[in-house]
Every structure is written in structure tokens, then in C-alpha cells.
């Protein structure tokens, strides 16, 4: 009981401004931001969603050109930002922005895909209020539910990653934001976003800074971390925000692992709910 009370006190800034989220049972639309490097896995990802995600409706791949005919395609150029505009907002200097874009070790593509995930709810027309973001290397192998059957609230799988720059960035993006569960991370390579919670998050960010959230994400990046892992707005930010603001969402652990793609066949029959087959591990 003491732990529950201390957690509530720690989250007091969130609880004061909390309004109940309106969760629905609308079918889930899956969105997969994708790049040419993901061509070896994208159709496996789509097949895994079709066969295993319960209550699925649409599957949409977001990229700069059509990469598969197994799902809908949405052009990333329809988003309110580009690599160039993101780089400019980070530096507010055309020369420095261009240097970052052209650097051999630039992280601009990695940053862009986070923006695409976070903004898909608002950029893609006629999207369900229940949107499942899935990384383009994450393959579901067994049936998985993403909503509580009684409330429609999201079910979330925890991870163990802990990278301090993510939390420093998010705390600047949204004053009062903090990590809710010390042992848990939200970086499990997929995330159910629910519209009422996303709208509240974006409104809170805009009200705190009087600026578009995507620009806030840029301005709050620590330039010393730019060539490493400088932010996690699609997973850590939302995961901790919704658990701070709602007592309906739940932790629901799944069996999963991060593996190189060449080990997929060896792992796929070992009872995993899903596997994330990362290019950097190949």
C-alpha cells in the first residue's frame, strides 16, 4: 500500500490535470514506418500482423515509395515535416543542418522514423482511434490482444532498456514527465496508441511550449547526443505518459527477443509471441 501511495504522490502533477480517456473498441489499424533496409522483413511483419493481431482492420506501410503490395501505402511526404525541416529545427542554422544531414554517421533517418510513428495518428486519413505502431523488423508469431476486453484500454508489453538521454529529453519535452516503472521500458518495438491519449499528450506539449510538438521534440534534443541515441518519443514518452494518466491501461508481458534475421527460423518455433530481427545485429 505504501508503494502505491508514494507512486501516486510522485505522479501528482499528471493526476491534477488528468481527464478520463475515452477508449473505444474500434478495430485496430497497424502502421509500419519502413525503409529500403527493411525489405527483407516487411512482408513477414505484415503477415504476422494479419495472422496474429486480434481485431485488426487496416495495415499501412509509411515510406518514401511503395515497398510492398501486401499492405496499403502512405507517402511520408504527406507528413508536416521532412528530414530537412527536422534538421533545421534542431540547429536553427542552415549550414549546421546541412552538415548533419550529410554526415556519414547522421542519425536523421532514425529521428525521422520516430516522428512518423508519433504523428501517424494525425497525418493518415480515416485512421482508427486505436493505432498499433509496429517496427518494420518486428514479426508476430502467436495471437496477441492489445486491448482490455472490458474497457478497450491498451495492453502493453514492457522491456528492460534504460538509456538516460531518453528520459532527459522527454522531461524537457513535457515538464513533470517521469519514468513510472523503474524496471520497465516501453521500447518493445511496437505500441498501441489510442487517440484520446495522443490528443491529450500533444495538447499538453503544445500548452507547455506554445509550439507544435514536432518542433518541441527538435528543440529539446541535447546536441551532445545527436550522433548517438538522443530521443525516444514514440515509445518511452507515450508509454510513461499513459501509465501516469490512466489506471485502466495494463502491463501485459509477452515472450519476445531481439535477434539477427538469420536466426529467425531457429527461434520462430520456440514459443515466442514475437521477434524483432534487427538489421544492426546481422
Protein backbone atom coordinates (compact mmCIF):
# COMPACT_ATOMS: atom_id res chain seq x y z
CA UNK A 1 0.00 0.00 0.00
CA UNK A 2 2.86 2.41 0.84
CA UNK A 3 4.36 1.86 -2.61
CA UNK A 4 1.02 2.69 -4.26
CA UNK A 5 0.68 5.90 -2.22
CA UNK A 6 4.24 7.04 -2.99
CA UNK A 7 3.71 6.36 -6.70
CA UNK A 8 0.52 8.46 -6.67
CA UNK A 9 2.34 11.34 -4.94
CA UNK A 10 5.20 11.15 -7.42
CA UNK A 11 2.72 11.46 -10.28
CA UNK A 12 0.70 14.28 -8.69
CA UNK A 13 1.40 16.86 -11.47
CA UNK A 14 -0.13 14.46 -14.01
CA UNK A 15 -3.05 13.44 -11.84
CA UNK A 16 -4.12 17.02 -11.17
CA UNK A 17 -4.61 17.73 -14.87
CA UNK A 18 -5.94 14.26 -15.70
CA UNK A 19 -9.14 13.85 -17.65
CA UNK A 20 -10.52 10.35 -18.29
CA UNK A 21 -9.52 8.99 -21.68
CA UNK A 22 -12.26 7.73 -23.96
CA UNK A 23 -11.12 4.29 -25.03
CA UNK A 24 -13.08 2.53 -27.77
CA UNK A 25 -13.37 -0.97 -29.19
CA UNK A 26 -12.86 0.20 -32.77
CA UNK A 27 -10.79 -2.20 -34.90
CA UNK A 28 -7.04 -1.64 -34.81
CA UNK A 29 -5.17 -0.07 -37.72
CA UNK A 30 -1.49 -1.09 -37.86
CA UNK A 31 1.09 1.40 -39.14
CA UNK A 32 4.61 0.34 -40.13
CA UNK A 33 7.19 3.03 -40.97
CA UNK A 34 9.57 1.39 -43.43
CA UNK A 35 12.86 1.97 -45.26
CA UNK A 36 14.63 0.09 -48.06
CA UNK A 37 16.82 -1.61 -45.44
CA UNK A 38 13.68 -3.35 -44.15
CA UNK A 39 12.79 -5.06 -47.44
CA UNK A 40 13.91 -8.46 -46.11
CA UNK A 41 11.43 -8.36 -43.22
CA UNK A 42 8.49 -6.14 -44.21
CA UNK A 43 6.31 -8.87 -45.74
CA UNK A 44 6.96 -11.14 -42.75
CA UNK A 45 5.89 -8.27 -40.49
CA UNK A 46 2.67 -7.73 -42.48
CA UNK A 47 1.89 -11.45 -42.49
CA UNK A 48 2.48 -11.65 -38.75
CA UNK A 49 0.04 -8.79 -38.12
CA UNK A 50 -2.63 -10.25 -40.41
CA UNK A 51 -2.43 -13.67 -38.78
CA UNK A 52 -1.94 -12.76 -35.13
CA UNK A 53 -3.14 -9.27 -34.15
CA UNK A 54 -6.70 -9.56 -32.90
CA UNK A 55 -9.31 -7.04 -34.07
CA UNK A 56 -7.08 -5.81 -36.92
CA UNK A 57 -8.56 -3.77 -39.77
CA UNK A 58 -6.05 -1.90 -41.94
CA UNK A 59 -2.29 -2.35 -42.34
CA UNK A 60 -0.46 0.70 -43.66
CA UNK A 61 3.20 0.99 -44.62
CA UNK A 62 4.68 4.50 -44.38
CA UNK A 63 7.69 5.14 -46.62
CA UNK A 64 9.02 7.45 -49.32
CA UNK A 65 7.96 4.99 -52.06
CA UNK A 66 5.83 1.85 -52.23
CA UNK A 67 7.89 -1.05 -50.89
CA UNK A 68 5.30 -3.85 -50.87
CA UNK A 69 1.96 -4.72 -52.40
CA UNK A 70 0.89 -6.69 -49.31
CA UNK A 71 -0.48 -3.62 -47.48
CA UNK A 72 -1.69 -0.06 -48.03
CA UNK A 73 0.97 2.58 -48.68
CA UNK A 74 1.07 6.10 -47.25
CA UNK A 75 3.67 8.54 -48.56
CA UNK A 76 5.83 10.01 -45.80
CA UNK A 77 5.93 13.26 -47.77
CA UNK A 78 2.37 13.87 -46.57
CA UNK A 79 3.62 14.47 -43.03
CA UNK A 80 4.16 18.05 -41.79
CA UNK A 81 7.97 17.63 -41.65
CA UNK A 82 10.89 16.25 -43.64
CA UNK A 83 14.45 15.31 -42.79
CA UNK A 84 15.47 18.80 -43.91
CA UNK A 85 12.91 20.66 -41.79
CA UNK A 86 13.71 18.50 -38.74
CA UNK A 87 17.44 19.19 -39.11
CA UNK A 88 16.79 22.91 -39.44
CA UNK A 89 14.61 22.97 -36.29
CA UNK A 90 17.31 21.13 -34.36
CA UNK A 91 20.01 23.66 -35.22
CA UNK A 92 18.13 26.78 -36.39
CA UNK A 93 21.09 27.17 -38.75
CA UNK A 94 21.04 26.09 -42.41
CA UNK A 95 24.77 25.30 -42.57
CA UNK A 96 24.79 23.14 -39.40
CA UNK A 97 21.61 21.41 -40.51
CA UNK A 98 23.15 20.52 -43.87
CA UNK A 99 26.29 19.24 -42.18
CA UNK A 100 24.19 16.94 -40.02
CA UNK A 101 22.15 15.71 -42.99
CA UNK A 102 25.31 14.90 -44.97
CA UNK A 103 27.38 13.42 -42.16
CA UNK A 104 28.25 9.72 -42.76
CA UNK A 105 27.11 8.87 -39.22
CA UNK A 106 23.99 11.05 -39.23
CA UNK A 107 21.00 9.84 -37.22
CA UNK A 108 18.45 11.86 -39.18
CA UNK A 109 16.72 8.77 -40.63
CA UNK A 110 16.39 7.23 -37.16
CA UNK A 111 14.97 10.51 -35.82
CA UNK A 112 12.55 10.84 -38.75
CA UNK A 113 11.04 7.38 -38.20
CA UNK A 114 10.21 8.35 -34.61
CA UNK A 115 8.41 11.45 -35.87
CA UNK A 116 6.50 9.36 -38.43
CA UNK A 117 5.32 6.95 -35.74
CA UNK A 118 4.30 9.69 -33.36
CA UNK A 119 2.40 11.72 -35.96
CA UNK A 120 0.73 8.89 -37.92
CA UNK A 121 -2.41 9.16 -35.79
CA UNK A 122 -2.95 12.68 -37.12
CA UNK A 123 -1.43 12.52 -40.60
CA UNK A 124 -3.10 9.41 -42.07
CA UNK A 125 -6.74 9.99 -43.07
CA UNK A 126 -9.58 7.93 -41.58
CA UNK A 127 -7.33 6.12 -39.14
CA UNK A 128 -8.89 4.15 -36.30
CA UNK A 129 -8.71 5.67 -32.79
CA UNK A 130 -6.74 2.50 -31.97
CA UNK A 131 -3.45 2.57 -33.89
CA UNK A 132 -0.78 -0.09 -33.48
CA UNK A 133 2.70 1.08 -34.44
CA UNK A 134 4.96 -1.83 -35.41
CA UNK A 135 8.65 -1.63 -36.27
CA UNK A 136 9.43 -2.90 -39.77
CA UNK A 137 11.53 -5.76 -38.35
CA UNK A 138 9.09 -6.98 -35.67
CA UNK A 139 7.28 -10.21 -36.53
CA UNK A 140 4.29 -11.51 -34.53
CA UNK A 141 4.19 -15.29 -34.30
CA UNK A 142 1.25 -16.02 -31.98
CA UNK A 143 -2.20 -14.44 -31.45
CA UNK A 144 -1.97 -11.25 -29.38
CA UNK A 145 -4.64 -8.96 -27.91
CA UNK A 146 -3.87 -5.27 -27.49
CA UNK A 147 -6.98 -4.08 -25.66
CA UNK A 148 -8.67 -4.97 -22.41
CA UNK A 149 -11.89 -6.78 -23.39
CA UNK A 150 -13.89 -4.91 -20.73
CA UNK A 151 -12.66 -1.32 -21.14
CA UNK A 152 -10.93 -1.11 -24.52
CA UNK A 153 -7.85 0.30 -22.75
CA UNK A 154 -4.43 -0.67 -24.08
CA UNK A 155 -2.34 -3.65 -23.02
CA UNK A 156 1.42 -3.03 -23.05
CA UNK A 157 4.47 -5.23 -23.14
CA UNK A 158 7.45 -3.99 -21.10
CA UNK A 159 11.12 -4.06 -21.99
CA UNK A 160 14.24 -3.52 -19.87
CA UNK A 161 16.19 -0.92 -21.84
CA UNK A 162 17.29 2.13 -19.85
CA UNK A 163 19.01 4.97 -21.69
CA UNK A 164 19.24 8.18 -19.60
CA UNK A 165 19.25 10.65 -22.57
CA UNK A 166 15.73 9.45 -23.48
CA UNK A 167 14.39 10.44 -20.09
CA UNK A 168 16.27 13.75 -20.00
CA UNK A 169 14.81 14.66 -23.41
CA UNK A 170 11.24 13.66 -22.51
CA UNK A 171 11.34 15.58 -19.25
CA UNK A 172 12.19 18.73 -21.24
CA UNK A 173 9.50 18.00 -23.82
CA UNK A 174 6.84 17.70 -21.12
CA UNK A 175 7.57 19.26 -17.72
CA UNK A 176 6.59 16.88 -14.94
CA UNK A 177 7.01 13.79 -17.12
CA UNK A 178 8.90 10.95 -15.45
CA UNK A 179 9.54 7.24 -15.67
CA UNK A 180 6.65 5.43 -13.99
CA UNK A 181 8.03 1.91 -13.52
CA UNK A 182 11.74 1.76 -12.59
CA UNK A 183 12.24 -1.77 -14.00
CA UNK A 184 10.17 -1.27 -17.17
CA UNK A 185 10.87 0.40 -20.51
CA UNK A 186 8.36 1.00 -23.30
CA UNK A 187 10.85 0.08 -26.02
CA UNK A 188 9.40 -3.24 -27.12
CA UNK A 189 9.26 -2.34 -30.85
CA UNK A 190 5.50 -1.86 -31.06
CA UNK A 191 2.99 0.35 -29.28
CA UNK A 192 -0.78 0.77 -29.22
CA UNK A 193 -1.57 4.47 -29.50
CA UNK A 194 -5.13 5.49 -28.57
CA UNK A 195 -6.48 8.73 -29.97
CA UNK A 196 -7.81 10.38 -26.81
CA UNK A 197 -4.48 9.80 -25.04
CA UNK A 198 -2.44 11.00 -28.04
CA UNK A 199 -4.53 14.15 -28.32
CA UNK A 200 -4.05 14.84 -24.61
CA UNK A 201 -0.28 14.30 -24.90
CA UNK A 202 0.02 16.63 -27.89
CA UNK A 203 -2.15 19.26 -26.20
CA UNK A 204 -0.05 19.12 -23.03
CA UNK A 205 3.17 19.57 -25.03
CA UNK A 206 1.71 22.44 -27.07
CA UNK A 207 0.36 24.18 -23.98
CA UNK A 208 3.70 23.84 -22.18
CA UNK A 209 5.71 25.40 -25.03
CA UNK A 210 3.16 27.23 -27.20
CA UNK A 211 4.65 25.44 -30.19
CA UNK A 212 3.96 22.48 -32.48
CA UNK A 213 5.02 19.23 -30.72
CA UNK A 214 7.33 18.09 -33.54
CA UNK A 215 9.26 21.34 -33.24
CA UNK A 216 9.44 20.91 -29.47
CA UNK A 217 10.89 17.42 -29.99
CA UNK A 218 13.63 19.01 -32.13
CA UNK A 219 14.42 21.94 -29.86
CA UNK A 220 14.81 19.77 -26.76
CA UNK A 221 17.44 17.44 -28.23
CA UNK A 222 20.80 17.57 -26.47
CA UNK A 223 23.29 18.31 -29.28
CA UNK A 224 25.91 16.26 -27.44
CA UNK A 225 23.72 13.18 -28.01
CA UNK A 226 22.80 13.85 -31.66
CA UNK A 227 25.10 11.23 -33.15
CA UNK A 228 24.01 8.62 -30.61
CA UNK A 229 20.56 7.76 -29.30
CA UNK A 230 19.20 11.17 -28.40
CA UNK A 231 15.45 10.63 -28.01
CA UNK A 232 12.61 8.14 -27.73
CA UNK A 233 9.36 9.97 -28.35
CA UNK A 234 7.39 7.10 -29.87
CA UNK A 235 7.84 4.55 -27.10
CA UNK A 236 9.18 5.90 -23.79
CA UNK A 237 7.31 9.21 -23.98
CA UNK A 238 3.88 7.71 -24.68
CA UNK A 239 4.31 4.58 -22.52
CA UNK A 240 5.13 6.54 -19.37
CA UNK A 241 2.61 9.30 -20.14
CA UNK A 242 -0.36 6.97 -20.47
CA UNK A 243 0.52 4.96 -17.36
CA UNK A 244 0.85 8.18 -15.38
CA UNK A 245 -2.51 9.41 -16.62
CA UNK A 246 -4.71 6.29 -16.66
CA UNK A 247 -5.41 3.46 -14.25
CA UNK A 248 -7.16 1.45 -16.98
CA UNK A 249 -4.15 0.58 -19.14
CA UNK A 250 -2.24 -2.53 -18.08
CA UNK A 251 1.14 -4.21 -18.31
CA UNK A 252 0.76 -7.50 -20.20
CA UNK A 253 4.13 -9.25 -20.68
CA UNK A 254 4.80 -11.14 -23.90
CA UNK A 255 7.60 -13.55 -24.73
CA UNK A 256 9.94 -11.87 -27.21
CA UNK A 257 13.56 -11.26 -28.10
CA UNK A 258 15.89 -9.12 -30.21
CA UNK A 259 17.72 -11.30 -32.76
CA UNK A 260 19.57 -11.07 -36.09
CA UNK A 261 17.39 -12.08 -39.03
CA UNK A 262 19.49 -15.15 -39.86
CA UNK A 263 18.38 -16.68 -36.53
CA UNK A 264 14.67 -16.19 -37.21
CA UNK A 265 14.00 -19.75 -38.42
CA UNK A 266 15.72 -21.20 -35.36
CA UNK A 267 13.71 -19.05 -32.96
CA UNK A 268 10.25 -18.89 -34.56
CA UNK A 269 9.05 -22.24 -33.20
CA UNK A 270 10.28 -21.67 -29.65
CA UNK A 271 7.03 -20.22 -28.29
CA UNK A 272 7.81 -16.52 -28.81
CA UNK A 273 4.89 -14.14 -29.22
CA UNK A 274 7.08 -12.02 -31.48
CA UNK A 275 10.67 -11.49 -32.56
CA UNK A 276 12.44 -8.27 -33.55
CA UNK A 277 15.02 -9.04 -36.25
CA UNK A 278 17.32 -6.01 -36.27
CA UNK A 279 19.48 -5.06 -39.25
CA UNK A 280 22.25 -3.81 -36.97
CA UNK A 281 22.61 -7.31 -35.49
CA UNK A 282 23.11 -9.05 -38.86
